[in-house]
Amino acid sequence: MSLKIQLSATAAKYFSSLDRNIQARIRKKLEAIAADPQAARLSKPLVGVDSRTARVGDYRIIFTIDPEVLFVADIGPRGQIYRRLQR
């Protein structure tokens, strides 16, 4: 069973501003996570918060997994995404 993928407004806005090739790579990663959310090779837990992170090149995806929804909280470059998380 695959989870439904839901993007926050921030994640959706950033995702739409990306190049189509990067969008396709991120979409592929999200679909793989939604198909197998517990696969350790696809993501890792973040320390100190109840979220997970996935890597796609220089970009990071911050998300949570609910029973039926993969909620993407933020997408961004590696150098900035974790700074935004600390706020």
N, C-alpha and C. Protein backbone atom coordinates (compact mmCIF):
# COMPACT_ATOMS: atom_id res chain seq x y z
N MET A 1 0.84 -1.18 0.00
CA MET A 1 0.00 0.00 0.00
C MET A 1 0.89 1.24 0.00
N SER A 2 0.58 2.17 -0.84
CA SER A 2 1.35 3.40 -0.97
C SER A 2 0.67 4.54 -0.21
N LEU A 3 1.47 5.37 0.42
CA LEU A 3 0.94 6.51 1.14
C LEU A 3 0.60 7.64 0.18
N LYS A 4 -0.33 8.49 0.58
CA LYS A 4 -0.66 9.68 -0.19
C LYS A 4 0.40 10.74 0.11
N ILE A 5 0.91 11.44 -0.90
CA ILE A 5 1.93 12.47 -0.72
C ILE A 5 1.26 13.83 -0.66
N GLN A 6 1.54 14.56 0.42
CA GLN A 6 0.96 15.90 0.61
C GLN A 6 2.09 16.88 0.88
N LEU A 7 2.15 17.98 0.14
CA LEU A 7 3.18 18.99 0.32
C LEU A 7 2.62 20.19 1.05
N SER A 8 3.41 20.76 1.96
CA SER A 8 3.02 22.00 2.61
C SER A 8 3.09 23.12 1.58
N ALA A 9 2.55 24.28 1.90
CA ALA A 9 2.58 25.42 0.98
C ALA A 9 4.02 25.83 0.67
N THR A 10 4.87 25.81 1.69
CA THR A 10 6.28 26.18 1.52
C THR A 10 6.98 25.19 0.59
N ALA A 11 6.76 23.91 0.82
CA ALA A 11 7.40 22.88 0.00
C ALA A 11 6.89 22.94 -1.43
N ALA A 12 5.60 23.14 -1.61
CA ALA A 12 5.02 23.20 -2.96
C ALA A 12 5.56 24.39 -3.74
N LYS A 13 5.69 25.52 -3.08
CA LYS A 13 6.20 26.73 -3.74
C LYS A 13 7.65 26.52 -4.17
N TYR A 14 8.48 25.97 -3.29
CA TYR A 14 9.88 25.74 -3.63
C TYR A 14 10.00 24.68 -4.72
N PHE A 15 9.21 23.63 -4.62
CA PHE A 15 9.23 22.55 -5.60
C PHE A 15 8.90 23.08 -7.00
N SER A 16 7.90 23.95 -7.10
CA SER A 16 7.51 24.49 -8.40
C SER A 16 8.56 25.41 -9.00
N SER A 17 9.45 25.96 -8.17
CA SER A 17 10.49 26.86 -8.67
C SER A 17 11.73 26.12 -9.17
N LEU A 18 11.80 24.83 -8.92
CA LEU A 18 12.97 24.04 -9.31
C LEU A 18 12.95 23.67 -10.79
N ASP A 19 14.12 23.33 -11.31
CA ASP A 19 14.27 22.84 -12.67
C ASP A 19 13.50 21.52 -12.82
N ARG A 20 12.99 21.26 -14.00
CA ARG A 20 12.17 20.05 -14.23
C ARG A 20 12.92 18.75 -13.94
N ASN A 21 14.21 18.72 -14.22
CA ASN A 21 14.98 17.51 -13.94
C ASN A 21 15.07 17.24 -12.45
N ILE A 22 15.28 18.29 -11.66
CA ILE A 22 15.33 18.14 -10.20
C ILE A 22 13.95 17.77 -9.67
N GLN A 23 12.90 18.37 -10.22
CA GLN A 23 11.54 18.03 -9.81
C GLN A 23 11.28 16.54 -10.03
N ALA A 24 11.70 16.03 -11.18
CA ALA A 24 11.48 14.61 -11.48
C ALA A 24 12.24 13.72 -10.50
N ARG A 25 13.46 14.10 -10.14
CA ARG A 25 14.24 13.31 -9.19
C ARG A 25 13.59 13.33 -7.80
N ILE A 26 13.10 14.49 -7.38
CA ILE A 26 12.45 14.60 -6.07
C ILE A 26 11.14 13.82 -6.07
N ARG A 27 10.37 13.94 -7.15
CA ARG A 27 9.11 13.20 -7.26
C ARG A 27 9.36 11.69 -7.18
N LYS A 28 10.39 11.23 -7.87
CA LYS A 28 10.73 9.80 -7.85
C LYS A 28 11.10 9.34 -6.44
N LYS A 29 11.87 10.15 -5.72
CA LYS A 29 12.26 9.82 -4.34
C LYS A 29 11.03 9.77 -3.43
N LEU A 30 10.13 10.77 -3.57
CA LEU A 30 8.92 10.78 -2.74
C LEU A 30 8.03 9.58 -3.02
N GLU A 31 7.91 9.19 -4.28
CA GLU A 31 7.11 8.01 -4.62
C GLU A 31 7.73 6.74 -4.05
N ALA A 32 9.06 6.65 -4.05
CA ALA A 32 9.73 5.49 -3.47
C ALA A 32 9.51 5.43 -1.96
N ILE A 33 9.58 6.58 -1.30
CA ILE A 33 9.34 6.61 0.15
C ILE A 33 7.90 6.27 0.46
N ALA A 34 6.97 6.80 -0.33
CA ALA A 34 5.54 6.51 -0.11
C ALA A 34 5.25 5.02 -0.30
N ALA A 35 5.96 4.37 -1.20
CA ALA A 35 5.74 2.95 -1.44
C ALA A 35 6.31 2.09 -0.32
N ASP A 36 7.43 2.53 0.29
CA ASP A 36 8.07 1.77 1.36
C ASP A 36 8.61 2.74 2.41
N PRO A 37 7.75 3.28 3.28
CA PRO A 37 8.15 4.33 4.21
C PRO A 37 9.18 3.91 5.26
N GLN A 38 9.30 2.65 5.54
CA GLN A 38 10.22 2.20 6.58
C GLN A 38 11.60 1.80 6.04
N ALA A 39 11.84 1.95 4.76
CA ALA A 39 13.13 1.58 4.17
C ALA A 39 14.22 2.53 4.65
N ALA A 40 15.20 2.00 5.34
CA ALA A 40 16.27 2.81 5.91
C ALA A 40 17.16 3.42 4.84
N ARG A 41 17.22 2.84 3.67
CA ARG A 41 18.09 3.36 2.61
C ARG A 41 17.52 4.62 1.96
N LEU A 42 16.23 4.91 2.17
CA LEU A 42 15.60 6.05 1.53
C LEU A 42 15.62 7.32 2.37
N SER A 43 15.64 7.18 3.69
CA SER A 43 15.59 8.36 4.55
C SER A 43 16.17 8.02 5.91
N LYS A 44 16.36 9.07 6.73
CA LYS A 44 16.85 8.85 8.08
C LYS A 44 16.12 9.80 9.03
N PRO A 45 16.01 9.43 10.30
CA PRO A 45 15.33 10.32 11.25
C PRO A 45 16.19 11.52 11.60
N LEU A 46 15.52 12.64 11.87
CA LEU A 46 16.22 13.83 12.32
C LEU A 46 16.33 13.80 13.83
N VAL A 47 17.44 14.24 14.36
CA VAL A 47 17.67 14.25 15.80
C VAL A 47 16.93 15.44 16.41
N GLY A 48 16.18 15.21 17.47
CA GLY A 48 15.53 16.28 18.21
C GLY A 48 14.15 16.66 17.73
N VAL A 49 13.72 16.17 16.59
CA VAL A 49 12.38 16.47 16.08
C VAL A 49 11.75 15.18 15.56
N ASP A 50 10.45 15.19 15.43
CA ASP A 50 9.73 14.00 14.97
C ASP A 50 9.55 14.05 13.45
N SER A 51 10.65 14.17 12.73
CA SER A 51 10.63 14.23 11.27
C SER A 51 11.74 13.36 10.71
N ARG A 52 11.68 13.19 9.41
CA ARG A 52 12.71 12.44 8.71
C ARG A 52 13.25 13.30 7.58
N THR A 53 14.42 12.93 7.06
CA THR A 53 15.02 13.66 5.96
C THR A 53 15.45 12.68 4.87
N ALA A 54 15.34 13.13 3.64
CA ALA A 54 15.78 12.35 2.49
C ALA A 54 16.67 13.24 1.63
N ARG A 55 17.65 12.62 1.01
CA ARG A 55 18.62 13.35 0.20
C ARG A 55 18.36 13.11 -1.28
N VAL A 56 18.37 14.19 -2.05
CA VAL A 56 18.29 14.13 -3.51
C VAL A 56 19.35 15.09 -4.03
N GLY A 57 20.54 14.59 -4.29
CA GLY A 57 21.64 15.47 -4.71
C GLY A 57 21.98 16.47 -3.63
N ASP A 58 21.97 17.75 -3.96
CA ASP A 58 22.25 18.80 -2.99
C ASP A 58 21.00 19.28 -2.26
N TYR A 59 19.87 18.65 -2.52
CA TYR A 59 18.61 19.06 -1.91
C TYR A 59 18.21 18.07 -0.81
N ARG A 60 17.45 18.58 0.16
CA ARG A 60 16.94 17.75 1.24
C ARG A 60 15.43 17.90 1.31
N ILE A 61 14.78 16.83 1.68
CA ILE A 61 13.34 16.79 1.86
C ILE A 61 13.07 16.49 3.32
N ILE A 62 12.35 17.35 4.01
CA ILE A 62 11.97 17.14 5.41
C ILE A 62 10.51 16.70 5.41
N PHE A 63 10.22 15.57 6.03
CA PHE A 63 8.85 15.04 5.99
C PHE A 63 8.53 14.25 7.25
N THR A 64 7.23 14.02 7.44
CA THR A 64 6.74 13.14 8.49
C THR A 64 5.86 12.06 7.84
N ILE A 65 5.75 10.94 8.53
CA ILE A 65 4.95 9.84 8.02
C ILE A 65 3.80 9.60 8.98
N ASP A 66 2.59 9.79 8.49
CA ASP A 66 1.38 9.47 9.24
C ASP A 66 0.86 8.14 8.71
N PRO A 67 -0.16 7.56 9.34
CA PRO A 67 -0.63 6.24 8.89
C PRO A 67 -1.00 6.19 7.41
N GLU A 68 -1.54 7.26 6.83
CA GLU A 68 -1.96 7.23 5.44
C GLU A 68 -1.35 8.33 4.59
N VAL A 69 -0.56 9.23 5.19
CA VAL A 69 -0.07 10.41 4.48
C VAL A 69 1.44 10.58 4.69
N LEU A 70 2.13 10.88 3.62
CA LEU A 70 3.53 11.31 3.67
C LEU A 70 3.48 12.82 3.53
N PHE A 71 3.68 13.54 4.65
CA PHE A 71 3.55 15.00 4.65
C PHE A 71 4.93 15.63 4.50
N VAL A 72 5.14 16.32 3.39
CA VAL A 72 6.41 16.99 3.10
C VAL A 72 6.33 18.40 3.69
N ALA A 73 7.13 18.65 4.73
CA ALA A 73 7.11 19.94 5.40
C ALA A 73 7.94 20.98 4.66
N ASP A 74 9.10 20.56 4.10
CA ASP A 74 9.97 21.52 3.44
C ASP A 74 10.91 20.82 2.48
N ILE A 75 11.31 21.53 1.45
CA ILE A 75 12.29 21.09 0.47
C ILE A 75 13.25 22.24 0.29
N GLY A 76 14.55 21.94 0.25
CA GLY A 76 15.50 23.03 0.05
C GLY A 76 16.92 22.54 -0.06
N PRO A 77 17.84 23.48 -0.33
CA PRO A 77 19.25 23.12 -0.41
C PRO A 77 19.80 22.69 0.94
N ARG A 78 20.76 21.81 0.90
CA ARG A 78 21.32 21.24 2.12
C ARG A 78 21.79 22.31 3.10
N GLY A 79 22.41 23.36 2.64
CA GLY A 79 22.97 24.37 3.52
C GLY A 79 21.93 25.22 4.23
N GLN A 80 20.72 25.28 3.70
CA GLN A 80 19.70 26.17 4.28
C GLN A 80 18.56 25.43 4.97
N ILE A 81 18.28 24.22 4.56
CA ILE A 81 17.09 23.53 5.05
C ILE A 81 17.12 23.28 6.55
N TYR A 82 18.27 22.95 7.08
CA TYR A 82 18.35 22.65 8.51
C TYR A 82 18.33 23.93 9.35
N ARG A 83 18.80 25.03 8.80
CA ARG A 83 18.70 26.32 9.50
C ARG A 83 17.23 26.73 9.64
N ARG A 84 16.45 26.52 8.60
CA ARG A 84 15.01 26.87 8.65
C ARG A 84 14.29 25.98 9.64
N LEU A 85 14.77 24.77 9.83
CA LEU A 85 14.14 23.82 10.75
C LEU A 85 14.30 24.25 12.20
N GLN A 86 15.40 24.94 12.54
CA GLN A 86 15.68 25.33 13.91
C GLN A 86 14.80 26.45 14.42
N ARG A 87 14.16 27.18 13.53
CA ARG A 87 13.30 28.31 13.96
C ARG A 87 12.09 27.87 14.69
